[in-house]
């Protein structure tokens, strides 16, 4: 596998994961109450706890996206 193929792979991985992150954020931002109601039926918790868990999950996803998608793509672009 050459550098160009790997670079394209990580580029699309970065784009698709960013799109998923953005879509999830927009869904929670504009329909947060329905997300909370849906999840609180199965996992009963207070709204503040739910917000903290959701914020933490977004943070972990963002860090994983940067480490495993965006940074490798940028490195491959630099060395390619």
N, C-alpha and C. Protein backbone atom coordinates (compact mmCIF):
# COMPACT_ATOMS: atom_id res chain seq x y z
N UNK A 1 0.85 -1.17 0.00
CA UNK A 1 0.00 0.00 0.00
C UNK A 1 0.90 1.24 0.00
N UNK A 2 0.63 2.15 -0.88
CA UNK A 2 1.48 3.34 -0.98
C UNK A 2 0.93 4.49 -0.13
N UNK A 3 1.73 5.54 -0.02
CA UNK A 3 1.37 6.68 0.83
C UNK A 3 0.13 7.39 0.32
N UNK A 4 -0.04 7.47 -0.98
CA UNK A 4 -1.21 8.15 -1.54
C UNK A 4 -2.51 7.44 -1.17
N UNK A 5 -2.51 6.12 -1.23
CA UNK A 5 -3.70 5.35 -0.86
C UNK A 5 -4.00 5.51 0.63
N UNK A 6 -2.98 5.43 1.46
CA UNK A 6 -3.18 5.64 2.90
C UNK A 6 -3.68 7.05 3.20
N UNK A 7 -3.14 8.01 2.49
CA UNK A 7 -3.55 9.39 2.69
C UNK A 7 -5.03 9.57 2.34
N UNK A 8 -5.45 8.99 1.23
CA UNK A 8 -6.87 9.08 0.84
C UNK A 8 -7.76 8.38 1.85
N UNK A 9 -7.31 7.22 2.36
CA UNK A 9 -8.07 6.49 3.37
C UNK A 9 -8.28 7.35 4.61
N UNK A 10 -7.20 7.92 5.13
CA UNK A 10 -7.31 8.74 6.33
C UNK A 10 -8.06 10.04 6.08
N UNK A 11 -7.99 10.57 4.86
CA UNK A 11 -8.76 11.76 4.53
C UNK A 11 -10.25 11.47 4.63
N UNK A 12 -10.69 10.36 4.01
CA UNK A 12 -12.11 10.03 4.07
C UNK A 12 -12.53 9.61 5.47
N UNK A 13 -11.65 8.96 6.18
CA UNK A 13 -11.93 8.61 7.57
C UNK A 13 -12.14 9.87 8.41
N UNK A 14 -11.29 10.87 8.18
CA UNK A 14 -11.40 12.14 8.89
C UNK A 14 -12.70 12.86 8.53
N UNK A 15 -13.00 12.92 7.26
CA UNK A 15 -14.21 13.62 6.80
C UNK A 15 -15.47 12.95 7.33
N UNK A 16 -15.56 11.63 7.20
CA UNK A 16 -16.76 10.92 7.63
C UNK A 16 -16.95 10.98 9.15
N UNK A 17 -15.86 10.83 9.90
CA UNK A 17 -15.98 10.90 11.36
C UNK A 17 -16.32 12.31 11.82
N UNK A 18 -15.78 13.33 11.15
CA UNK A 18 -16.14 14.70 11.50
C UNK A 18 -17.62 14.95 11.19
N UNK A 19 -18.09 14.42 10.08
CA UNK A 19 -19.51 14.55 9.74
C UNK A 19 -20.40 13.90 10.78
N UNK A 20 -20.01 12.72 11.23
CA UNK A 20 -20.77 12.03 12.27
C UNK A 20 -20.76 12.82 13.58
N UNK A 21 -19.61 13.36 13.92
CA UNK A 21 -19.50 14.17 15.14
C UNK A 21 -20.37 15.42 15.03
N UNK A 22 -20.33 16.09 13.89
CA UNK A 22 -21.13 17.29 13.68
C UNK A 22 -22.62 16.97 13.69
N UNK A 23 -23.02 15.89 13.03
CA UNK A 23 -24.42 15.49 13.01
C UNK A 23 -24.92 15.17 14.41
N UNK A 24 -24.11 14.45 15.18
CA UNK A 24 -24.48 14.12 16.56
C UNK A 24 -24.62 15.38 17.41
N UNK A 25 -23.67 16.29 17.26
CA UNK A 25 -23.73 17.53 18.03
C UNK A 25 -24.99 18.33 17.67
N UNK A 26 -25.28 18.45 16.39
CA UNK A 26 -26.46 19.21 15.96
C UNK A 26 -27.75 18.55 16.47
N UNK A 27 -27.79 17.23 16.43
CA UNK A 27 -28.96 16.52 16.92
C UNK A 27 -29.18 16.78 18.40
N UNK A 28 -28.11 16.73 19.16
CA UNK A 28 -28.23 16.97 20.60
C UNK A 28 -28.53 18.45 20.87
N UNK A 29 -27.95 19.35 20.08
CA UNK A 29 -28.17 20.78 20.31
C UNK A 29 -29.61 21.18 20.02
N UNK A 30 -30.20 20.61 18.99
CA UNK A 30 -31.54 21.04 18.60
C UNK A 30 -32.65 20.10 19.06
N UNK A 31 -32.32 18.89 19.46
CA UNK A 31 -33.33 17.94 19.93
C UNK A 31 -32.85 17.27 21.22
N UNK A 32 -32.21 18.03 22.07
CA UNK A 32 -31.65 17.49 23.30
C UNK A 32 -32.67 16.88 24.24
N UNK A 33 -33.85 17.49 24.29
CA UNK A 33 -34.89 16.96 25.18
C UNK A 33 -35.36 15.58 24.75
N UNK A 34 -35.53 15.39 23.45
CA UNK A 34 -35.96 14.07 22.98
C UNK A 34 -34.87 13.02 23.18
N UNK A 35 -33.61 13.43 23.03
CA UNK A 35 -32.50 12.50 23.29
C UNK A 35 -32.50 12.10 24.76
N UNK A 36 -32.67 13.08 25.63
CA UNK A 36 -32.69 12.79 27.06
C UNK A 36 -33.87 11.90 27.42
N UNK A 37 -35.05 12.19 26.90
CA UNK A 37 -36.24 11.38 27.20
C UNK A 37 -36.06 9.94 26.73
N UNK A 38 -35.50 9.77 25.54
CA UNK A 38 -35.29 8.43 25.00
C UNK A 38 -34.33 7.63 25.86
N UNK A 39 -33.22 8.25 26.25
CA UNK A 39 -32.21 7.52 27.01
C UNK A 39 -32.59 7.37 28.48
N UNK A 40 -33.32 8.32 29.03
CA UNK A 40 -33.66 8.23 30.45
C UNK A 40 -34.70 7.16 30.72
N UNK A 41 -35.43 6.72 29.71
CA UNK A 41 -36.36 5.60 29.91
C UNK A 41 -35.59 4.31 30.17
N UNK A 42 -34.48 4.15 29.49
CA UNK A 42 -33.69 2.94 29.64
C UNK A 42 -32.65 3.05 30.75
N UNK A 43 -32.07 4.23 30.88
CA UNK A 43 -31.03 4.48 31.89
C UNK A 43 -31.45 5.68 32.72
N UNK A 44 -32.22 5.47 33.78
CA UNK A 44 -32.70 6.61 34.56
C UNK A 44 -31.55 7.38 35.23
N UNK A 45 -31.50 8.68 34.94
CA UNK A 45 -30.50 9.56 35.56
C UNK A 45 -31.00 10.99 35.48
N UNK A 46 -30.40 11.84 36.28
CA UNK A 46 -30.77 13.25 36.28
C UNK A 46 -30.24 13.91 35.02
N UNK A 47 -30.88 15.03 34.65
CA UNK A 47 -30.48 15.73 33.43
C UNK A 47 -29.04 16.23 33.49
N UNK A 48 -28.60 16.71 34.65
CA UNK A 48 -27.23 17.20 34.79
C UNK A 48 -26.22 16.07 34.58
N UNK A 49 -26.53 14.89 35.10
CA UNK A 49 -25.65 13.74 34.91
C UNK A 49 -25.61 13.34 33.45
N UNK A 50 -26.78 13.34 32.81
CA UNK A 50 -26.85 13.01 31.39
C UNK A 50 -26.02 13.98 30.56
N UNK A 51 -26.13 15.27 30.86
CA UNK A 51 -25.35 16.27 30.12
C UNK A 51 -23.85 16.06 30.32
N UNK A 52 -23.44 15.72 31.54
CA UNK A 52 -22.02 15.49 31.82
C UNK A 52 -21.52 14.26 31.07
N UNK A 53 -22.30 13.21 31.05
CA UNK A 53 -21.91 12.00 30.33
C UNK A 53 -21.83 12.28 28.83
N UNK A 54 -22.81 12.99 28.30
CA UNK A 54 -22.82 13.33 26.87
C UNK A 54 -21.64 14.21 26.50
N UNK A 55 -21.35 15.18 27.33
CA UNK A 55 -20.21 16.07 27.09
C UNK A 55 -18.90 15.27 27.11
N UNK A 56 -18.78 14.35 28.05
CA UNK A 56 -17.58 13.50 28.14
C UNK A 56 -17.44 12.61 26.91
N UNK A 57 -18.54 12.04 26.46
CA UNK A 57 -18.50 11.19 25.27
C UNK A 57 -18.09 11.97 24.03
N UNK A 58 -18.61 13.18 23.88
CA UNK A 58 -18.20 14.02 22.75
C UNK A 58 -16.71 14.34 22.84
N UNK A 59 -16.23 14.60 24.03
CA UNK A 59 -14.81 14.90 24.21
C UNK A 59 -13.92 13.72 23.88
N UNK A 60 -14.30 12.54 24.33
CA UNK A 60 -13.53 11.33 24.04
C UNK A 60 -13.54 11.04 22.54
N UNK A 61 -14.71 11.20 21.91
CA UNK A 61 -14.81 10.96 20.47
C UNK A 61 -13.95 11.95 19.69
N UNK A 62 -13.96 13.20 20.14
CA UNK A 62 -13.15 14.23 19.46
C UNK A 62 -11.66 13.94 19.58
N UNK A 63 -11.22 13.53 20.76
CA UNK A 63 -9.80 13.20 20.95
C UNK A 63 -9.43 11.98 20.11
N UNK A 64 -10.27 10.96 20.11
CA UNK A 64 -10.01 9.77 19.30
C UNK A 64 -9.99 10.12 17.81
N UNK A 65 -10.88 11.00 17.38
CA UNK A 65 -10.92 11.44 15.98
C UNK A 65 -9.61 12.14 15.61
N UNK A 66 -9.15 13.00 16.48
CA UNK A 66 -7.90 13.70 16.21
C UNK A 66 -6.71 12.74 16.16
N UNK A 67 -6.63 11.85 17.15
CA UNK A 67 -5.47 10.97 17.26
C UNK A 67 -5.44 9.90 16.16
N UNK A 68 -6.60 9.33 15.84
CA UNK A 68 -6.62 8.20 14.92
C UNK A 68 -6.99 8.55 13.48
N UNK A 69 -7.48 9.74 13.23
CA UNK A 69 -7.88 10.10 11.86
C UNK A 69 -7.17 11.35 11.35
N UNK A 70 -7.36 12.46 12.03
CA UNK A 70 -6.87 13.74 11.51
C UNK A 70 -5.34 13.83 11.53
N UNK A 71 -4.72 13.47 12.63
CA UNK A 71 -3.26 13.57 12.73
C UNK A 71 -2.56 12.62 11.74
N UNK A 72 -2.96 11.34 11.64
CA UNK A 72 -2.30 10.50 10.64
C UNK A 72 -2.46 11.03 9.21
N UNK A 73 -3.62 11.58 8.90
CA UNK A 73 -3.84 12.15 7.57
C UNK A 73 -2.91 13.33 7.33
N UNK A 74 -2.80 14.21 8.31
CA UNK A 74 -1.90 15.35 8.16
C UNK A 74 -0.44 14.93 8.03
N UNK A 75 -0.04 13.92 8.78
CA UNK A 75 1.33 13.43 8.70
C UNK A 75 1.60 12.84 7.31
N UNK A 76 0.65 12.06 6.82
CA UNK A 76 0.83 11.48 5.49
C UNK A 76 0.86 12.55 4.40
N UNK A 77 0.08 13.60 4.57
CA UNK A 77 0.10 14.71 3.62
C UNK A 77 1.45 15.43 3.65
N UNK A 78 2.02 15.56 4.83
CA UNK A 78 3.31 16.26 4.97
C UNK A 78 4.43 15.42 4.36
N UNK A 79 4.46 14.13 4.66
CA UNK A 79 5.56 13.31 4.13
C UNK A 79 5.34 12.88 2.69
N UNK A 80 4.10 12.96 2.20
CA UNK A 80 3.81 12.56 0.82
C UNK A 80 4.16 13.63 -0.11
